[in-house]
Amino acid sequence: MDLEVRVAPRAGRSGFAGLRDGALLVRLASAPVDGAANDELIALIAKALRIPKRDITIVSGERSRSKRIRIAGIDREQALAKLV
């Protein structure tokens, strides 16, 4: 299952901030330096969904605020119910 994500790095604290324009808005405390924000994004989603980090990959937008992530083993409705 692919999910559109909009990332806001350097936030005061990490967390999910609902949907915006069809994409999940995620605030991250990490700065987008050396992949730290991407690592935090994957860890945050994995913890919320209670799945291993290896089941989450960034398909596109690795260096952008708009990303598409692929989550294995869960459908879109289940994921959004836990993340929003």
N, C-alpha and C. Protein backbone atom coordinates (compact mmCIF):
# COMPACT_ATOMS: atom_id res chain seq x y z
N MET A 1 0.83 -1.16 0.00
CA MET A 1 0.00 0.00 0.00
C MET A 1 0.88 1.24 0.00
N ASP A 2 0.61 2.17 -0.89
CA ASP A 2 1.35 3.42 -0.96
C ASP A 2 0.56 4.52 -0.27
N LEU A 3 1.29 5.44 0.37
CA LEU A 3 0.67 6.52 1.11
C LEU A 3 1.43 7.81 0.82
N GLU A 4 0.70 8.86 0.49
CA GLU A 4 1.31 10.18 0.29
C GLU A 4 1.52 10.81 1.65
N VAL A 5 2.72 11.37 1.86
CA VAL A 5 3.07 11.98 3.14
C VAL A 5 3.67 13.36 2.88
N ARG A 6 3.29 14.32 3.67
CA ARG A 6 3.87 15.66 3.63
C ARG A 6 4.59 15.86 4.96
N VAL A 7 5.90 16.14 4.91
CA VAL A 7 6.73 16.22 6.10
C VAL A 7 7.04 17.67 6.44
N ALA A 8 6.98 17.99 7.73
CA ALA A 8 7.37 19.30 8.24
C ALA A 8 8.53 19.08 9.21
N PRO A 9 9.79 19.19 8.73
CA PRO A 9 10.95 18.96 9.61
C PRO A 9 11.17 20.13 10.57
N ARG A 10 12.00 19.89 11.56
CA ARG A 10 12.38 20.88 12.59
C ARG A 10 11.17 21.37 13.38
N ALA A 11 10.21 20.50 13.61
CA ALA A 11 9.05 20.86 14.42
C ALA A 11 9.44 20.78 15.90
N GLY A 12 8.64 21.36 16.74
CA GLY A 12 8.90 21.32 18.17
C GLY A 12 8.89 19.91 18.72
N ARG A 13 7.97 19.09 18.21
CA ARG A 13 7.95 17.68 18.59
C ARG A 13 7.34 16.88 17.44
N SER A 14 7.68 15.61 17.40
CA SER A 14 7.24 14.75 16.31
C SER A 14 5.83 14.24 16.56
N GLY A 15 5.08 14.09 15.46
CA GLY A 15 3.74 13.54 15.57
C GLY A 15 2.96 13.72 14.28
N PHE A 16 1.77 13.16 14.27
CA PHE A 16 0.90 13.23 13.10
C PHE A 16 -0.05 14.40 13.26
N ALA A 17 -0.30 15.11 12.16
CA ALA A 17 -1.11 16.32 12.22
C ALA A 17 -2.30 16.25 11.27
N GLY A 18 -2.80 15.05 10.99
CA GLY A 18 -3.99 14.90 10.16
C GLY A 18 -3.68 14.82 8.68
N LEU A 19 -4.72 15.02 7.89
CA LEU A 19 -4.59 14.97 6.43
C LEU A 19 -4.63 16.38 5.87
N ARG A 20 -3.83 16.61 4.85
CA ARG A 20 -3.84 17.89 4.16
C ARG A 20 -3.69 17.62 2.67
N ASP A 21 -4.70 18.00 1.90
CA ASP A 21 -4.71 17.79 0.44
C ASP A 21 -4.49 16.33 0.08
N GLY A 22 -5.09 15.44 0.84
CA GLY A 22 -5.00 14.01 0.56
C GLY A 22 -3.74 13.34 1.04
N ALA A 23 -2.83 14.10 1.66
CA ALA A 23 -1.57 13.53 2.16
C ALA A 23 -1.55 13.60 3.68
N LEU A 24 -0.92 12.63 4.29
CA LEU A 24 -0.75 12.61 5.74
C LEU A 24 0.31 13.62 6.11
N LEU A 25 -0.02 14.56 6.99
CA LEU A 25 0.93 15.56 7.45
C LEU A 25 1.64 15.03 8.69
N VAL A 26 2.97 14.99 8.63
CA VAL A 26 3.78 14.48 9.74
C VAL A 26 4.79 15.54 10.14
N ARG A 27 4.78 15.91 11.40
CA ARG A 27 5.75 16.86 11.94
C ARG A 27 6.90 16.06 12.55
N LEU A 28 8.14 16.45 12.20
CA LEU A 28 9.32 15.74 12.67
C LEU A 28 10.26 16.70 13.39
N ALA A 29 10.78 16.30 14.53
CA ALA A 29 11.71 17.13 15.27
C ALA A 29 13.08 17.17 14.59
N SER A 30 13.43 16.16 13.83
CA SER A 30 14.73 16.07 13.18
C SER A 30 14.86 17.07 12.04
N ALA A 31 16.09 17.48 11.80
CA ALA A 31 16.39 18.32 10.64
C ALA A 31 16.63 17.40 9.44
N PRO A 32 16.36 17.90 8.23
CA PRO A 32 16.56 17.06 7.04
C PRO A 32 18.04 17.00 6.62
N VAL A 33 18.87 16.49 7.52
CA VAL A 33 20.30 16.41 7.28
C VAL A 33 20.74 14.96 7.36
N ASP A 34 21.44 14.49 6.34
CA ASP A 34 21.97 13.12 6.30
C ASP A 34 20.90 12.06 6.51
N GLY A 35 19.68 12.32 6.05
CA GLY A 35 18.62 11.33 6.14
C GLY A 35 18.00 11.17 7.51
N ALA A 36 18.31 12.06 8.46
CA ALA A 36 17.79 11.93 9.82
C ALA A 36 16.28 12.05 9.85
N ALA A 37 15.72 12.97 9.08
CA ALA A 37 14.26 13.14 9.06
C ALA A 37 13.58 11.92 8.44
N ASN A 38 14.16 11.36 7.39
CA ASN A 38 13.60 10.15 6.78
C ASN A 38 13.62 8.98 7.75
N ASP A 39 14.72 8.83 8.48
CA ASP A 39 14.82 7.75 9.47
C ASP A 39 13.78 7.94 10.57
N GLU A 40 13.60 9.18 11.01
CA GLU A 40 12.62 9.44 12.06
C GLU A 40 11.20 9.19 11.54
N LEU A 41 10.94 9.56 10.29
CA LEU A 41 9.62 9.33 9.69
C LEU A 41 9.29 7.84 9.68
N ILE A 42 10.22 7.02 9.23
CA ILE A 42 10.00 5.57 9.17
C ILE A 42 9.80 5.00 10.58
N ALA A 43 10.62 5.44 11.53
CA ALA A 43 10.49 4.95 12.91
C ALA A 43 9.16 5.35 13.53
N LEU A 44 8.72 6.58 13.28
CA LEU A 44 7.47 7.08 13.84
C LEU A 44 6.26 6.31 13.29
N ILE A 45 6.26 6.08 11.99
CA ILE A 45 5.15 5.33 11.38
C ILE A 45 5.16 3.88 11.83
N ALA A 46 6.34 3.27 11.89
CA ALA A 46 6.44 1.88 12.33
C ALA A 46 5.94 1.71 13.76
N LYS A 47 6.28 2.64 14.63
CA LYS A 47 5.83 2.57 16.02
C LYS A 47 4.31 2.73 16.12
N ALA A 48 3.76 3.68 15.37
CA ALA A 48 2.31 3.92 15.42
C ALA A 48 1.52 2.73 14.88
N LEU A 49 2.04 2.09 13.83
CA LEU A 49 1.34 0.96 13.22
C LEU A 49 1.71 -0.37 13.87
N ARG A 50 2.71 -0.35 14.73
CA ARG A 50 3.21 -1.57 15.39
C ARG A 50 3.66 -2.62 14.39
N ILE A 51 4.48 -2.16 13.45
CA ILE A 51 5.07 -3.05 12.45
C ILE A 51 6.58 -2.79 12.43
N PRO A 52 7.37 -3.73 11.90
CA PRO A 52 8.82 -3.50 11.82
C PRO A 52 9.16 -2.40 10.82
N LYS A 53 10.25 -1.68 11.10
CA LYS A 53 10.69 -0.61 10.20
C LYS A 53 11.02 -1.14 8.81
N ARG A 54 11.43 -2.39 8.71
CA ARG A 54 11.79 -2.96 7.41
C ARG A 54 10.59 -3.06 6.47
N ASP A 55 9.37 -2.99 7.01
CA ASP A 55 8.15 -3.06 6.18
C ASP A 55 7.77 -1.71 5.59
N ILE A 56 8.55 -0.67 5.87
CA ILE A 56 8.25 0.67 5.37
C ILE A 56 9.43 1.15 4.52
N THR A 57 9.12 1.60 3.30
CA THR A 57 10.16 2.14 2.43
C THR A 57 9.67 3.45 1.82
N ILE A 58 10.61 4.34 1.55
CA ILE A 58 10.29 5.58 0.85
C ILE A 58 10.45 5.30 -0.63
N VAL A 59 9.33 5.39 -1.36
CA VAL A 59 9.32 5.07 -2.79
C VAL A 59 9.79 6.26 -3.60
N SER A 60 9.33 7.46 -3.25
CA SER A 60 9.75 8.67 -3.97
C SER A 60 9.75 9.85 -3.02
N GLY A 61 10.53 10.86 -3.37
CA GLY A 61 10.59 12.08 -2.58
C GLY A 61 11.54 12.02 -1.41
N GLU A 62 12.59 11.23 -1.53
CA GLU A 62 13.52 11.07 -0.42
C GLU A 62 14.15 12.40 0.01
N ARG A 63 14.29 13.33 -0.91
CA ARG A 63 14.88 14.63 -0.59
C ARG A 63 13.86 15.76 -0.67
N SER A 64 12.61 15.41 -0.60
CA SER A 64 11.52 16.38 -0.71
C SER A 64 10.64 16.32 0.53
N ARG A 65 9.85 17.36 0.74
CA ARG A 65 8.88 17.33 1.84
C ARG A 65 7.68 16.45 1.49
N SER A 66 7.40 16.33 0.20
CA SER A 66 6.31 15.45 -0.25
C SER A 66 6.90 14.10 -0.60
N LYS A 67 6.43 13.07 0.05
CA LYS A 67 6.98 11.73 -0.13
C LYS A 67 5.87 10.73 -0.41
N ARG A 68 6.24 9.64 -1.02
CA ARG A 68 5.35 8.48 -1.16
C ARG A 68 6.04 7.33 -0.46
N ILE A 69 5.35 6.77 0.52
CA ILE A 69 5.92 5.64 1.24
C ILE A 69 5.10 4.40 0.97
N ARG A 70 5.78 3.26 1.01
CA ARG A 70 5.12 1.97 0.81
C ARG A 70 5.17 1.21 2.13
N ILE A 71 3.98 0.76 2.55
CA ILE A 71 3.86 0.01 3.80
C ILE A 71 3.36 -1.38 3.45
N ALA A 72 4.13 -2.39 3.83
CA ALA A 72 3.77 -3.77 3.52
C ALA A 72 2.90 -4.35 4.63
N GLY A 73 1.93 -5.16 4.24
CA GLY A 73 1.15 -5.92 5.20
C GLY A 73 -0.03 -5.20 5.83
N ILE A 74 -0.42 -4.04 5.32
CA ILE A 74 -1.54 -3.30 5.89
C ILE A 74 -2.20 -2.51 4.76
N ASP A 75 -3.51 -2.34 4.83
CA ASP A 75 -4.17 -1.58 3.77
C ASP A 75 -4.33 -0.11 4.20
N ARG A 76 -4.68 0.72 3.24
CA ARG A 76 -4.73 2.17 3.44
C ARG A 76 -5.69 2.57 4.57
N GLU A 77 -6.87 1.97 4.61
CA GLU A 77 -7.86 2.34 5.62
C GLU A 77 -7.37 2.03 7.03
N GLN A 78 -6.76 0.85 7.19
CA GLN A 78 -6.23 0.48 8.51
C GLN A 78 -5.11 1.43 8.93
N ALA A 79 -4.23 1.75 7.99
CA ALA A 79 -3.11 2.64 8.30
C ALA A 79 -3.61 4.03 8.70
N LEU A 80 -4.49 4.60 7.91
CA LEU A 80 -4.99 5.94 8.21
C LEU A 80 -5.79 5.97 9.52
N ALA A 81 -6.49 4.90 9.84
CA ALA A 81 -7.24 4.86 11.09
C ALA A 81 -6.29 4.96 12.30
N LYS A 82 -5.09 4.41 12.18
CA LYS A 82 -4.14 4.44 13.28
C LYS A 82 -3.28 5.69 13.28
N LEU A 83 -3.11 6.32 12.11
CA LEU A 83 -2.20 7.45 12.00
C LEU A 83 -2.88 8.81 12.13
N VAL A 84 -4.16 8.89 11.83
CA VAL A 84 -4.85 10.20 11.83
C VAL A 84 -5.60 10.38 13.13
